[in-house]
């Protein structure tokens, strides 16, 4: 079968298909796609004649290019075709669909598909996500080029190789696009969150499900509360629990507080006991208070520990703590005695005691203090975090500066919490 050069799907759609005598047996309506050795390939053409669909297998084609498509068989030997859900079709299932371009960290729309000859097949090699693809489908690509030339510019090509794409629609996974998972995990969580925010709820759940647990947890933390709730609500409770367990307790509490009570309870029951207790403790505080803002993840040491012992403990525990700005010095009853900054740790001698270098004039807030009051104290004293202690001096957690930044954002972007 003769296949010359490269073509785009829009250049073939609606093109007449000729029999061996040059008589038209129909026009191209769609393409059936199957998995190839390296790239998806066309297994058949769906052609239309007098509003009826027929199936023309690829091996029955004689010539296939942008100028002519001819068949080895005649029209009376074609088999009728009924649209099948299990088939993967270019026009029906891929064109105009949203796909994640992991290189550009964005969602793009498929405007056209580039086909190239590989051995005896036509394979899908790239998608066109630019204005050229739109113009080509409208039949005005040549006019667009002339218009750009008039302004002394060139009409840009916006082609993305299939090797760098991640399909969002679950159906598209049938073509097995090769997307190394590390490409996604290398994106910043905020970029992944932007992608998820650009697609439907169903697609967002599918996308999160295809991420590893750690990456999914980081990305979910960057989403607005409404999107977080929608995604977790639609997830299987076991998968949701794995992701929630990887999140900082305060972020996890924010999400669970917005879920239906039954769903939240299912997730909590699947968590490890200590993780569940930490989150339950945070859920017990009213929103818009220091307790509602705080995390109970922090590094605590005793005053008699040496700086070397503290450093060793820090290296072990810091891996599991989201933000570490200070070491908190507690007595055996877990009452706050002092604070040591990381800067002081670096400057002090390894054999000195924490009791000798800790700051005892500590700014603290109560669990019930209003969030704006907490923000004012952190701003006034240029703190990166502030301890939350009760009236008896017992430490409950810390409020970090990034939590305060959320407060000064517009109301629509702020997270709200209710009790579960």
Protein backbone atom coordinates (compact mmCIF):
# COMPACT_ATOMS: atom_id res chain seq x y z
CA UNK A 1 0.00 0.00 0.00
CA UNK A 2 1.37 3.40 -0.97
CA UNK A 3 1.57 6.07 1.73
CA UNK A 4 3.34 9.26 0.76
CA UNK A 5 4.77 11.79 3.25
CA UNK A 6 2.76 13.03 6.19
CA UNK A 7 -0.83 14.21 6.49
CA UNK A 8 -3.19 15.59 9.10
CA UNK A 9 -6.46 13.92 9.92
CA UNK A 10 -8.41 17.02 8.85
CA UNK A 11 -6.92 16.66 5.34
CA UNK A 12 -8.37 13.15 5.04
CA UNK A 13 -11.76 13.53 6.73
CA UNK A 14 -14.61 13.86 4.15
CA UNK A 15 -12.18 12.89 1.36
CA UNK A 16 -13.63 10.46 -1.25
CA UNK A 17 -12.47 6.84 -1.29
CA UNK A 18 -12.21 5.27 -4.73
CA UNK A 19 -12.55 1.62 -5.79
CA UNK A 20 -10.11 -0.07 -8.26
CA UNK A 21 -12.03 1.46 -11.20
CA UNK A 22 -11.90 4.98 -9.72
CA UNK A 23 -15.56 5.03 -8.65
CA UNK A 24 -16.38 6.65 -5.32
CA UNK A 25 -17.47 4.14 -2.68
CA UNK A 26 -17.88 6.69 0.13
CA UNK A 27 -16.17 9.47 2.04
CA UNK A 28 -13.94 9.22 5.08
CA UNK A 29 -15.95 9.72 8.27
CA UNK A 30 -13.49 8.54 10.95
CA UNK A 31 -10.48 6.33 11.71
CA UNK A 32 -10.28 3.28 13.98
CA UNK A 33 -7.14 3.36 16.14
CA UNK A 34 -5.35 0.44 17.76
CA UNK A 35 -2.13 0.06 19.72
CA UNK A 36 1.01 -0.14 17.57
CA UNK A 37 4.54 -1.27 18.37
CA UNK A 38 5.64 2.24 19.35
CA UNK A 39 2.78 4.57 18.39
CA UNK A 40 -0.99 4.18 17.86
CA UNK A 41 -1.85 3.18 14.30
CA UNK A 42 -4.90 3.23 12.03
CA UNK A 43 -6.50 -0.19 11.67
CA UNK A 44 -9.44 0.84 9.48
CA UNK A 45 -11.31 3.73 7.91
CA UNK A 46 -14.95 4.38 8.65
CA UNK A 47 -16.48 5.64 5.41
CA UNK A 48 -19.94 7.07 4.84
CA UNK A 49 -22.20 6.78 1.80
CA UNK A 50 -25.85 7.81 1.67
CA UNK A 51 -25.85 8.25 5.45
CA UNK A 52 -24.68 4.66 5.99
CA UNK A 53 -21.38 3.76 7.62
CA UNK A 54 -19.03 1.08 6.31
CA UNK A 55 -15.85 -0.52 7.66
CA UNK A 56 -12.79 -0.46 5.37
CA UNK A 57 -9.83 -2.37 6.90
CA UNK A 58 -6.42 -0.75 6.44
CA UNK A 59 -5.02 -3.74 4.51
CA UNK A 60 -7.73 -3.22 1.88
CA UNK A 61 -6.33 0.21 0.98
CA UNK A 62 -4.17 0.64 -2.09
CA UNK A 63 -3.21 4.34 -1.90
CA UNK A 64 -3.50 6.67 1.10
CA UNK A 65 -2.33 10.29 0.93
CA UNK A 66 -3.74 13.81 0.96
CA UNK A 67 -4.43 13.70 -2.79
CA UNK A 68 -6.03 10.30 -3.27
CA UNK A 69 -7.38 7.38 -1.27
CA UNK A 70 -8.08 4.22 -3.18
CA UNK A 71 -9.26 0.78 -2.15
CA UNK A 72 -8.43 -2.70 -3.39
CA UNK A 73 -12.09 -3.69 -2.99
CA UNK A 74 -15.39 -2.55 -4.44
CA UNK A 75 -18.27 -0.95 -2.56
CA UNK A 76 -20.49 -4.03 -2.61
CA UNK A 77 -17.90 -5.99 -0.59
CA UNK A 78 -17.75 -3.45 2.27
CA UNK A 79 -19.15 -4.47 5.63
CA UNK A 80 -21.69 -2.15 7.35
CA UNK A 81 -20.35 -0.52 10.50
CA UNK A 82 -22.18 0.47 13.66
CA UNK A 83 -20.49 2.88 16.05
CA UNK A 84 -19.10 0.85 18.93
CA UNK A 85 -18.27 2.20 22.36
CA UNK A 86 -15.25 -0.09 22.66
CA UNK A 87 -13.64 1.24 19.47
CA UNK A 88 -11.24 4.16 19.66
CA UNK A 89 -11.96 6.70 16.90
CA UNK A 90 -9.97 9.81 16.01
CA UNK A 91 -12.87 12.18 15.33
CA UNK A 92 -15.25 10.92 17.96
CA UNK A 93 -12.84 10.23 20.80
CA UNK A 94 -9.66 12.30 20.33
CA UNK A 95 -10.27 15.50 18.37
CA UNK A 96 -11.28 18.44 20.61
CA UNK A 97 -10.48 16.44 23.73
CA UNK A 98 -8.27 17.83 26.49
CA UNK A 99 -4.81 16.38 26.98
CA UNK A 100 -2.09 17.25 29.48
CA UNK A 101 1.13 18.54 27.95
CA UNK A 102 3.55 17.62 30.73
CA UNK A 103 6.39 19.61 29.14
CA UNK A 104 4.37 22.80 29.20
CA UNK A 105 2.55 21.90 32.44
CA UNK A 106 -0.81 22.80 30.96
CA UNK A 107 -3.97 21.39 29.47
CA UNK A 108 -4.24 21.63 25.69
CA UNK A 109 -7.01 20.82 23.23
CA UNK A 110 -6.47 18.51 20.27
CA UNK A 111 -7.19 20.58 17.15
CA UNK A 112 -5.76 18.13 14.65
CA UNK A 113 -3.69 14.94 14.49
CA UNK A 114 -0.55 14.36 12.47
CA UNK A 115 -0.19 11.00 10.71
CA UNK A 116 3.02 9.56 9.27
CA UNK A 117 3.87 6.38 7.41
CA UNK A 118 5.67 3.68 9.40
CA UNK A 119 6.38 0.51 7.44
CA UNK A 120 2.98 -0.29 5.90
CA UNK A 121 0.86 1.62 8.43
CA UNK A 122 -0.14 5.18 9.22
CA UNK A 123 0.71 6.03 12.83
CA UNK A 124 -0.29 8.95 15.04
CA UNK A 125 2.86 10.95 15.73
CA UNK A 126 1.71 14.29 17.12
CA UNK A 127 -1.22 16.54 17.93
CA UNK A 128 -1.67 20.08 16.70
CA UNK A 129 -2.79 22.33 19.55
CA UNK A 130 -2.32 25.65 17.79
CA UNK A 131 -4.19 27.99 15.51
CA UNK A 132 -2.88 26.13 12.43
CA UNK A 133 -4.87 23.06 13.44
CA UNK A 134 -8.04 25.11 13.79
CA UNK A 135 -7.52 26.86 10.45
CA UNK A 136 -6.68 23.59 8.73
CA UNK A 137 -9.94 22.05 9.90
CA UNK A 138 -11.82 25.12 8.66
CA UNK A 139 -10.05 24.92 5.31
CA UNK A 140 -8.42 28.34 5.64
CA UNK A 141 -4.84 27.40 6.57
CA UNK A 142 -3.43 28.80 3.31
CA UNK A 143 -5.33 32.07 3.81
CA UNK A 144 -4.01 32.26 7.36
CA UNK A 145 -0.45 31.92 6.11
CA UNK A 146 -1.02 34.74 3.60
CA UNK A 147 -2.50 36.95 6.31
CA UNK A 148 0.47 36.40 8.62
CA UNK A 149 2.88 37.08 5.75
CA UNK A 150 1.11 40.39 5.14
CA UNK A 151 2.09 41.40 8.67
CA UNK A 152 5.60 40.00 8.09
CA UNK A 153 5.05 37.13 10.47
CA UNK A 154 4.80 33.38 10.05
CA UNK A 155 1.88 31.22 11.11
CA UNK A 156 3.35 29.15 13.97
CA UNK A 157 3.28 25.37 14.26
CA UNK A 158 2.19 24.00 17.63
CA UNK A 159 2.84 20.27 17.45
CA UNK A 160 3.33 18.06 20.48
CA UNK A 161 4.69 14.55 20.14
CA UNK A 162 2.59 11.69 21.50
CA UNK A 163 5.63 10.77 23.62
CA UNK A 164 5.05 13.82 25.81
CA UNK A 165 1.31 13.55 26.32
CA UNK A 166 -0.85 12.25 29.11
CA UNK A 167 -4.46 11.49 28.14
CA UNK A 168 -7.11 12.59 30.64
CA UNK A 169 -10.11 10.71 29.28
CA UNK A 170 -9.93 7.15 30.70
CA UNK A 171 -10.98 5.82 27.27
CA UNK A 172 -7.84 7.23 25.67
CA UNK A 173 -5.64 4.98 27.79
CA UNK A 174 -6.46 2.26 25.26
CA UNK A 175 -3.82 3.69 22.95
CA UNK A 176 -1.22 3.37 25.72
CA UNK A 177 0.58 6.67 25.34
CA UNK A 178 4.03 6.43 26.86
CA UNK A 179 4.28 9.00 29.61
CA UNK A 180 7.04 8.31 32.13
CA UNK A 181 5.48 8.89 35.53
CA UNK A 182 8.60 10.78 36.62
CA UNK A 183 7.74 13.52 34.10
CA UNK A 184 4.63 14.28 36.11
CA UNK A 185 6.32 13.93 39.49
CA UNK A 186 8.98 16.42 38.38
CA UNK A 187 6.35 19.12 37.84
CA UNK A 188 5.80 21.54 40.69
CA UNK A 189 2.66 20.58 42.66
CA UNK A 190 1.21 24.01 41.89
CA UNK A 191 1.59 23.31 38.14
CA UNK A 192 -0.17 19.97 38.54
CA UNK A 193 -2.91 21.74 40.50
CA UNK A 194 -3.33 24.24 37.65
CA UNK A 195 -3.77 21.35 35.23
CA UNK A 196 -6.37 19.66 37.42
CA UNK A 197 -8.23 22.94 37.87
CA UNK A 198 -8.49 23.29 34.09
CA UNK A 199 -10.43 20.09 33.52
CA UNK A 200 -13.74 18.56 34.57
CA UNK A 201 -14.23 16.93 37.97
CA UNK A 202 -14.29 13.47 36.38
CA UNK A 203 -11.06 14.14 34.52
CA UNK A 204 -9.48 15.59 37.66
CA UNK A 205 -10.19 12.37 39.58
CA UNK A 206 -8.76 10.31 36.72
CA UNK A 207 -5.64 12.47 36.63
CA UNK A 208 -5.07 12.25 40.40
CA UNK A 209 -5.59 8.48 40.28
CA UNK A 210 -2.75 8.17 37.75
CA UNK A 211 -0.26 9.96 40.01
CA UNK A 212 1.84 8.27 42.66
CA UNK A 213 0.54 8.80 46.18
CA UNK A 214 3.15 11.37 47.23
CA UNK A 215 2.72 13.51 44.10
CA UNK A 216 -1.07 13.26 44.38
CA UNK A 217 -0.95 14.45 48.00
CA UNK A 218 1.29 17.42 47.16
CA UNK A 219 -0.89 18.44 44.21
CA UNK A 220 -4.11 18.10 46.19
CA UNK A 221 -2.72 20.43 48.87
CA UNK A 222 -2.36 23.16 46.22
CA UNK A 223 -5.99 23.00 45.04
CA UNK A 224 -8.83 25.19 46.24
CA UNK A 225 -11.02 23.58 48.89
CA UNK A 226 -14.03 23.10 46.59
CA UNK A 227 -11.92 21.18 44.05
CA UNK A 228 -10.28 19.11 46.79
CA UNK A 229 -13.68 18.12 48.15
CA UNK A 230 -15.06 17.20 44.73
CA UNK A 231 -12.07 15.01 43.91
CA UNK A 232 -11.88 13.18 47.24
CA UNK A 233 -15.67 12.69 47.29
CA UNK A 234 -15.50 10.86 43.97
CA UNK A 235 -12.55 8.67 44.95
CA UNK A 236 -12.55 5.20 46.39
CA UNK A 237 -12.16 5.62 50.18
CA UNK A 238 -9.07 3.40 50.31
CA UNK A 239 -7.23 5.40 47.63
CA UNK A 240 -8.40 8.67 49.23
CA UNK A 241 -7.05 7.49 52.60
CA UNK A 242 -3.62 6.75 51.11
CA UNK A 243 -3.43 10.28 49.71
CA UNK A 244 -4.79 11.96 52.86
CA UNK A 245 -2.26 10.06 54.97
CA UNK A 246 0.60 11.56 52.95
CA UNK A 247 -0.62 15.13 53.49
CA UNK A 248 0.31 17.41 56.39
CA UNK A 249 -2.30 16.99 59.17
CA UNK A 250 -3.62 20.55 58.84
CA UNK A 251 -4.18 20.19 55.08
CA UNK A 252 -5.79 16.80 55.61
CA UNK A 253 -8.09 18.26 58.28
CA UNK A 254 -9.11 21.07 55.91
CA UNK A 255 -10.22 18.54 53.30
CA UNK A 256 -11.97 16.15 55.69
CA UNK A 257 -13.88 18.99 57.32
CA UNK A 258 -15.52 19.80 53.99
CA UNK A 259 -16.50 16.22 53.16
CA UNK A 260 -19.82 14.59 54.05
CA UNK A 261 -19.50 13.16 57.56
CA UNK A 262 -19.90 9.56 56.35
CA UNK A 263 -17.16 9.86 53.73
CA UNK A 264 -14.82 11.60 56.17
CA UNK A 265 -15.36 8.85 58.74
CA UNK A 266 -14.62 6.13 56.17
CA UNK A 267 -11.32 7.81 55.35
CA UNK A 268 -10.37 8.31 59.01
CA UNK A 269 -11.04 4.64 59.74
CA UNK A 270 -8.57 3.64 57.01
CA UNK A 271 -5.76 5.83 58.40
CA UNK A 272 -3.10 4.70 60.82
CA UNK A 273 -4.15 5.33 64.40
CA UNK A 274 -1.65 8.13 65.10
CA UNK A 275 -2.41 9.92 61.82
CA UNK A 276 -6.14 9.74 62.54
CA UNK A 277 -5.66 11.08 66.07
CA UNK A 278 -3.59 14.03 64.84
CA UNK A 279 -6.25 14.97 62.30
CA UNK A 280 -9.12 14.47 64.77
CA UNK A 281 -7.38 16.81 67.20
CA UNK A 282 -7.20 19.54 64.55
CA UNK A 283 -10.83 19.01 63.54
CA UNK A 284 -11.88 19.76 67.10
CA UNK A 285 -10.95 23.45 66.77
CA UNK A 286 -13.19 26.17 65.40
CA UNK A 287 -12.35 27.66 62.04
CA UNK A 288 -10.78 31.13 61.94
CA UNK A 289 -8.82 30.43 65.13
CA UNK A 290 -5.20 29.59 65.87
CA UNK A 291 -6.28 25.99 66.53
CA UNK A 292 -8.03 25.90 63.18
CA UNK A 293 -4.89 27.17 61.41
CA UNK A 294 -2.24 25.18 63.21
CA UNK A 295 -0.47 21.96 62.35
CA UNK A 296 0.57 19.52 65.06
CA UNK A 297 3.66 18.49 63.12
CA UNK A 298 6.78 20.08 64.61
CA UNK A 299 10.13 19.01 66.06
CA UNK A 300 10.41 19.06 69.83
CA UNK A 301 13.42 18.36 72.05
CA UNK A 302 14.24 18.48 75.75
CA UNK A 303 16.48 21.18 77.34
CA UNK A 304 19.18 18.74 78.43
CA UNK A 305 19.84 17.54 74.88
CA UNK A 306 23.10 18.61 73.25
CA UNK A 307 23.14 20.38 69.93
CA UNK A 308 24.63 17.25 68.33
CA UNK A 309 21.79 15.10 69.67
CA UNK A 310 19.30 17.68 68.45
CA UNK A 311 20.87 17.72 64.99
CA UNK A 312 20.68 13.93 64.76
CA UNK A 313 17.02 14.00 65.74
CA UNK A 314 16.35 16.80 63.28
CA UNK A 315 17.84 14.82 60.39
CA UNK A 316 15.55 11.90 61.21
CA UNK A 317 12.27 13.72 61.87
CA UNK A 318 12.47 16.64 59.43
CA UNK A 319 11.78 14.28 56.52
CA UNK A 320 8.22 13.78 57.80
CA UNK A 321 7.49 17.41 58.77
CA UNK A 322 6.18 19.84 56.16
CA UNK A 323 7.86 23.02 57.42
CA UNK A 324 10.69 23.31 59.91
CA UNK A 325 11.80 26.78 61.04
CA UNK A 326 12.43 26.25 64.76
CA UNK A 327 13.20 23.55 67.31
CA UNK A 328 10.75 23.71 70.22
CA UNK A 329 12.13 22.89 73.67
CA UNK A 330 9.57 21.13 75.90
CA UNK A 331 9.82 19.77 79.43
CA UNK A 332 8.85 16.18 80.26
CA UNK A 333 5.18 17.22 80.54
CA UNK A 334 5.27 18.80 77.06
CA UNK A 335 5.10 22.36 78.33
CA UNK A 336 6.89 24.88 76.15
CA UNK A 337 10.14 26.15 77.66
CA UNK A 338 11.99 27.73 74.76
CA UNK A 339 12.67 27.97 71.05
CA UNK A 340 15.87 27.49 69.02
CA UNK A 341 16.08 28.75 65.47
CA UNK A 342 17.94 26.84 62.78
CA UNK A 343 20.35 29.77 62.51
CA UNK A 344 21.26 29.46 66.18
CA UNK A 345 21.81 25.73 65.72
CA UNK A 346 24.29 26.34 62.93
CA UNK A 347 26.25 28.92 64.90
CA UNK A 348 26.44 27.06 68.23
CA UNK A 349 29.01 24.46 69.30
CA UNK A 350 27.96 20.78 68.92
CA UNK A 351 28.40 19.96 72.64
CA UNK A 352 26.36 22.85 74.04
CA UNK A 353 22.95 22.21 75.62
CA UNK A 354 19.68 23.49 74.20
CA UNK A 355 18.97 25.02 77.58
CA UNK A 356 21.97 27.32 77.07
CA UNK A 357 20.99 28.67 73.64
CA UNK A 358 17.19 28.56 73.62
CA UNK A 359 15.12 31.76 73.53
CA UNK A 360 12.79 31.85 76.54
CA UNK A 361 11.00 35.11 75.76
CA UNK A 362 8.58 33.38 73.41
CA UNK A 363 5.64 34.85 71.53
CA UNK A 364 2.72 32.42 71.65
CA UNK A 365 -1.00 32.30 70.89
CA UNK A 366 -3.91 30.40 72.43
CA UNK A 367 -5.85 27.78 70.43
CA UNK A 368 -8.97 29.97 70.50
CA UNK A 369 -7.27 33.22 69.40
CA UNK A 370 -8.74 34.80 66.27
CA UNK A 371 -6.78 34.14 63.07
CA UNK A 372 -6.37 37.86 62.37
CA UNK A 373 -4.81 38.36 65.79
CA UNK A 374 -2.40 35.52 65.03
CA UNK A 375 -1.54 37.10 61.68
CA UNK A 376 -0.89 40.44 63.38
CA UNK A 377 1.57 38.90 65.87
CA UNK A 378 3.47 36.97 63.19
CA UNK A 379 3.70 40.12 61.08
CA UNK A 380 4.71 42.38 63.98
CA UNK A 381 7.57 40.15 65.15
CA UNK A 382 8.62 38.85 61.69
CA UNK A 383 8.09 35.24 62.72
CA UNK A 384 8.15 32.24 60.41
CA UNK A 385 5.99 30.25 62.83
CA UNK A 386 4.34 30.79 66.20
CA UNK A 387 3.61 28.15 68.89
CA UNK A 388 0.02 27.46 69.92
CA UNK A 389 -0.13 26.76 73.66
CA UNK A 390 -3.01 26.52 76.10
CA UNK A 391 -3.39 28.61 79.26
CA UNK A 392 -1.35 26.09 81.25
CA UNK A 393 1.55 26.24 78.84
CA UNK A 394 1.05 22.89 77.08
CA UNK A 395 2.02 23.01 73.42
CA UNK A 396 -0.61 21.98 70.85
CA UNK A 397 0.96 22.93 67.55
CA UNK A 398 2.31 25.78 65.43
CA UNK A 399 0.89 28.26 62.94
CA UNK A 400 3.29 28.82 60.04
CA UNK A 401 3.67 31.90 57.90
CA UNK A 402 2.27 30.14 54.82
CA UNK A 403 -0.98 29.57 56.70
CA UNK A 404 -1.10 33.31 57.39
CA UNK A 405 -0.59 34.08 53.71
CA UNK A 406 -3.82 32.20 53.01
CA UNK A 407 -5.64 34.61 55.29
CA UNK A 408 -4.69 37.70 53.30
CA UNK A 409 -5.74 36.11 49.99
CA UNK A 410 -9.13 37.02 48.51
CA UNK A 411 -12.04 35.32 50.31
CA UNK A 412 -12.77 32.97 47.39
CA UNK A 413 -9.31 31.42 47.69
CA UNK A 414 -9.44 30.86 51.45
CA UNK A 415 -10.07 27.46 52.94
CA UNK A 416 -13.00 27.01 55.27
CA UNK A 417 -13.31 24.29 57.86
CA UNK A 418 -16.25 22.83 59.67
CA UNK A 419 -16.33 20.15 62.34
CA UNK A 420 -16.74 16.50 61.43
